[in-house]
Amino acid sequence: MENCIFCKIVRGEIPSKKVYEDNEILAFHDINPLAPVHFMMIPKLHVDSLAHVSGTHNDVLGKIMVLAPKLAEEQGCKDGFRTIINTGRVARQDVFHLHIHIIGGPDVLPPMLYRPKPA
């Protein structure tokens, strides 16, 4: 996609601090990290969101999921990490190119979702 910011990063038009790159996948640090470790993994092929994947994406998505723990550990997540895939407007997906946030660091993650206390 010509105007997709992540596609521009893949093409080298916008610089990024790369964590990993091969022919199918790019992983790079988030420019506004929420934790000591916060990077994204994306397929280089443009896919709008997880809602838009098909069987043709099995290999690259499987590769991303197998690679995620290795990269997370290399970046300092020794005791665990969180993976987040925001899908669509309601989930507050900001960039419409499928991306997986890998977030972690020593004891910094809040509960997965905020649960208000009952009244």
C-alpha atoms as a PDB file:
ATOM      1  CA  MET A   1       0.000   0.000   0.000  1.00  0.00           C
ATOM      2  CA  GLU A   2       1.460   3.273  -1.106  1.00  0.00           C
ATOM      3  CA  ASN A   3       0.459   5.406   1.917  1.00  0.00           C
ATOM      4  CA  CYS A   4       0.692   2.783   4.666  1.00  0.00           C
ATOM      5  CA  ILE A   5       3.299   3.910   7.216  1.00  0.00           C
ATOM      6  CA  PHE A   6       4.414   0.341   7.909  1.00  0.00           C
ATOM      7  CA  CYS A   7       4.765  -0.367   4.186  1.00  0.00           C
ATOM      8  CA  LYS A   8       6.932   2.756   3.979  1.00  0.00           C
ATOM      9  CA  ILE A   9       9.078   1.379   6.813  1.00  0.00           C
ATOM     10  CA  VAL A  10       9.363  -1.958   4.956  1.00  0.00           C
ATOM     11  CA  ARG A  11      10.471  -0.109   1.795  1.00  0.00           C
ATOM     12  CA  GLY A  12      13.040   1.919   3.766  1.00  0.00           C
ATOM     13  CA  GLU A  13      11.292   5.240   3.122  1.00  0.00           C
ATOM     14  CA  ILE A  14      10.877   5.806   6.865  1.00  0.00           C
ATOM     15  CA  PRO A  15      13.697   4.811   9.213  1.00  0.00           C
ATOM     16  CA  SER A  16      13.130   2.337  12.018  1.00  0.00           C
ATOM     17  CA  LYS A  17      15.170   0.750  14.744  1.00  0.00           C
ATOM     18  CA  LYS A  18      15.100  -2.846  13.523  1.00  0.00           C
ATOM     19  CA  VAL A  19      14.985  -5.846  15.801  1.00  0.00           C
ATOM     20  CA  TYR A  20      14.796  -8.435  13.017  1.00  0.00           C
ATOM     21  CA  GLU A  21      14.328  -8.640   9.269  1.00  0.00           C
ATOM     22  CA  ASP A  22      14.073 -11.356   6.656  1.00  0.00           C
ATOM     23  CA  ASN A  23      12.264 -11.663   3.317  1.00  0.00           C
ATOM     24  CA  GLU A  24       8.809 -11.943   4.914  1.00  0.00           C
ATOM     25  CA  ILE A  25       8.957 -10.305   8.346  1.00  0.00           C
ATOM     26  CA  LEU A  26      10.122  -7.055   9.871  1.00  0.00           C
ATOM     27  CA  ALA A  27      10.356  -6.393  13.605  1.00  0.00           C
ATOM     28  CA  PHE A  28      11.127  -2.900  14.862  1.00  0.00           C
ATOM     29  CA  HIS A  29      10.950  -0.853  18.056  1.00  0.00           C
ATOM     30  CA  ASP A  30       7.805   1.171  18.749  1.00  0.00           C
ATOM     31  CA  ILE A  31       8.475   4.924  18.529  1.00  0.00           C
ATOM     32  CA  ASN A  32       6.319   5.512  21.647  1.00  0.00           C
ATOM     33  CA  PRO A  33       7.110   2.505  23.846  1.00  0.00           C
ATOM     34  CA  LEU A  34       4.756   1.575  26.669  1.00  0.00           C
ATOM     35  CA  ALA A  35       7.351  -0.539  28.484  1.00  0.00           C
ATOM     36  CA  PRO A  36      11.122  -1.088  28.523  1.00  0.00           C
ATOM     37  CA  VAL A  37      10.631  -3.646  25.731  1.00  0.00           C
ATOM     38  CA  HIS A  38       8.102  -2.685  23.059  1.00  0.00           C
ATOM     39  CA  PHE A  39       8.537  -3.694  19.470  1.00  0.00           C
ATOM     40  CA  MET A  40       6.268  -4.711  16.624  1.00  0.00           C
ATOM     41  CA  MET A  41       6.382  -7.639  14.267  1.00  0.00           C
ATOM     42  CA  ILE A  42       4.760  -7.259  10.864  1.00  0.00           C
ATOM     43  CA  PRO A  43       4.469  -9.266   7.706  1.00  0.00           C
ATOM     44  CA  LYS A  44       6.145  -7.345   4.904  1.00  0.00           C
ATOM     45  CA  LEU A  45       3.189  -8.150   2.695  1.00  0.00           C
ATOM     46  CA  HIS A  46       0.423  -5.635   3.427  1.00  0.00           C
ATOM     47  CA  VAL A  47      -2.578  -7.106   5.242  1.00  0.00           C
ATOM     48  CA  ASP A  48      -4.984  -4.577   6.795  1.00  0.00           C
ATOM     49  CA  SER A  49      -5.646  -6.492  10.020  1.00  0.00           C
ATOM     50  CA  LEU A  50      -6.053  -9.922  11.556  1.00  0.00           C
ATOM     51  CA  ALA A  51      -9.636  -9.836  10.273  1.00  0.00           C
ATOM     52  CA  HIS A  52      -8.239  -9.850   6.728  1.00  0.00           C
ATOM     53  CA  VAL A  53      -5.978 -12.907   6.904  1.00  0.00           C
ATOM     54  CA  SER A  54      -6.620 -16.096   4.981  1.00  0.00           C
ATOM     55  CA  GLY A  55      -5.012 -19.476   4.540  1.00  0.00           C
ATOM     56  CA  THR A  56      -2.416 -17.878   2.271  1.00  0.00           C
ATOM     57  CA  HIS A  57      -0.975 -16.181   5.376  1.00  0.00           C
ATOM     58  CA  ASN A  58      -0.497 -19.382   7.420  1.00  0.00           C
ATOM     59  CA  ASP A  59       3.247 -19.654   6.854  1.00  0.00           C
ATOM     60  CA  VAL A  60       4.196 -16.053   7.625  1.00  0.00           C
ATOM     61  CA  LEU A  61       1.915 -15.821  10.674  1.00  0.00           C
ATOM     62  CA  GLY A  62       3.235 -19.132  11.993  1.00  0.00           C
ATOM     63  CA  LYS A  63       6.782 -17.901  11.474  1.00  0.00           C
ATOM     64  CA  ILE A  64       6.004 -14.683  13.369  1.00  0.00           C
ATOM     65  CA  MET A  65       4.541 -16.608  16.311  1.00  0.00           C
ATOM     66  CA  VAL A  66       7.537 -18.951  16.503  1.00  0.00           C
ATOM     67  CA  LEU A  67       9.982 -16.044  16.228  1.00  0.00           C
ATOM     68  CA  ALA A  68       8.236 -13.794  18.792  1.00  0.00           C
ATOM     69  CA  PRO A  69       9.521 -15.528  21.967  1.00  0.00           C
ATOM     70  CA  LYS A  70      13.074 -15.681  20.624  1.00  0.00           C
ATOM     71  CA  LEU A  71      13.112 -11.956  19.809  1.00  0.00           C
ATOM     72  CA  ALA A  72      11.384 -11.057  23.081  1.00  0.00           C
ATOM     73  CA  GLU A  73      14.036 -12.898  25.070  1.00  0.00           C
ATOM     74  CA  GLU A  74      16.832 -11.304  23.029  1.00  0.00           C
ATOM     75  CA  GLN A  75      15.339  -7.878  23.827  1.00  0.00           C
ATOM     76  CA  GLY A  76      15.340  -8.588  27.573  1.00  0.00           C
ATOM     77  CA  CYS A  77      12.045 -10.340  28.328  1.00  0.00           C
ATOM     78  CA  LYS A  78      13.468 -13.170  30.416  1.00  0.00           C
ATOM     79  CA  ASP A  79      10.349 -13.853  32.516  1.00  0.00           C
ATOM     80  CA  GLY A  80       7.603 -13.360  29.959  1.00  0.00           C
ATOM     81  CA  PHE A  81       6.070 -10.833  27.624  1.00  0.00           C
ATOM     82  CA  ARG A  82       2.720  -9.788  26.240  1.00  0.00           C
ATOM     83  CA  THR A  83       1.596 -10.042  22.627  1.00  0.00           C
ATOM     84  CA  ILE A  84      -1.157  -7.708  21.485  1.00  0.00           C
ATOM     85  CA  ILE A  85      -2.926  -7.622  18.137  1.00  0.00           C
ATOM     86  CA  ASN A  86      -5.442  -4.796  17.903  1.00  0.00           C
ATOM     87  CA  THR A  87      -7.912  -5.640  15.154  1.00  0.00           C
ATOM     88  CA  GLY A  88     -10.100  -2.915  13.697  1.00  0.00           C
ATOM     89  CA  ARG A  89     -11.414   0.430  14.855  1.00  0.00           C
ATOM     90  CA  VAL A  90     -13.184  -0.818  17.996  1.00  0.00           C
ATOM     91  CA  ALA A  91      -9.944  -2.453  19.176  1.00  0.00           C
ATOM     92  CA  ARG A  92      -8.187   0.873  18.548  1.00  0.00           C
ATOM     93  CA  GLN A  93      -5.986  -0.338  15.741  1.00  0.00           C
ATOM     94  CA  ASP A  94      -4.093   2.814  14.769  1.00  0.00           C
ATOM     95  CA  VAL A  95      -2.172   1.569  11.741  1.00  0.00           C
ATOM     96  CA  PHE A  96      -4.115  -0.609   9.329  1.00  0.00           C
ATOM     97  CA  HIS A  97      -1.287  -3.003   8.552  1.00  0.00           C
ATOM     98  CA  LEU A  98      -1.353  -6.185  10.620  1.00  0.00           C
ATOM     99  CA  HIS A  99       1.114  -5.843  13.476  1.00  0.00           C
ATOM    100  CA  ILE A 100       1.815  -7.646  16.709  1.00  0.00           C
ATOM    101  CA  HIS A 101       3.038  -5.657  19.678  1.00  0.00           C
ATOM    102  CA  ILE A 102       5.582  -7.459  21.841  1.00  0.00           C
ATOM    103  CA  ILE A 103       5.678  -5.753  25.231  1.00  0.00           C
ATOM    104  CA  GLY A 104       7.620  -6.603  28.378  1.00  0.00           C
ATOM    105  CA  GLY A 105      10.235  -5.769  30.885  1.00  0.00           C
ATOM    106  CA  PRO A 106      10.825  -6.448  34.552  1.00  0.00           C
ATOM    107  CA  ASP A 107       7.509  -6.347  36.423  1.00  0.00           C
ATOM    108  CA  VAL A 108       6.041  -3.444  34.452  1.00  0.00           C
ATOM    109  CA  LEU A 109       2.947  -4.870  32.823  1.00  0.00           C
ATOM    110  CA  PRO A 110      -0.435  -3.907  34.227  1.00  0.00           C
ATOM    111  CA  PRO A 111      -3.304  -6.404  34.245  1.00  0.00           C
ATOM    112  CA  MET A 112      -4.351  -7.379  30.737  1.00  0.00           C
ATOM    113  CA  LEU A 113      -7.549  -5.337  30.793  1.00  0.00           C
ATOM    114  CA  TYR A 114      -8.812  -2.876  33.344  1.00  0.00           C
ATOM    115  CA  ARG A 115     -11.675  -4.331  35.394  1.00  0.00           C
ATOM    116  CA  PRO A 116     -13.636  -1.718  37.316  1.00  0.00           C
ATOM    117  CA  LYS A 117     -14.588  -2.714  40.837  1.00  0.00           C
ATOM    118  CA  PRO A 118     -18.267  -3.544  41.291  1.00  0.00           C
ATOM    119  CA  ALA A 119     -20.313  -0.709  42.769  1.00  0.00           C
END
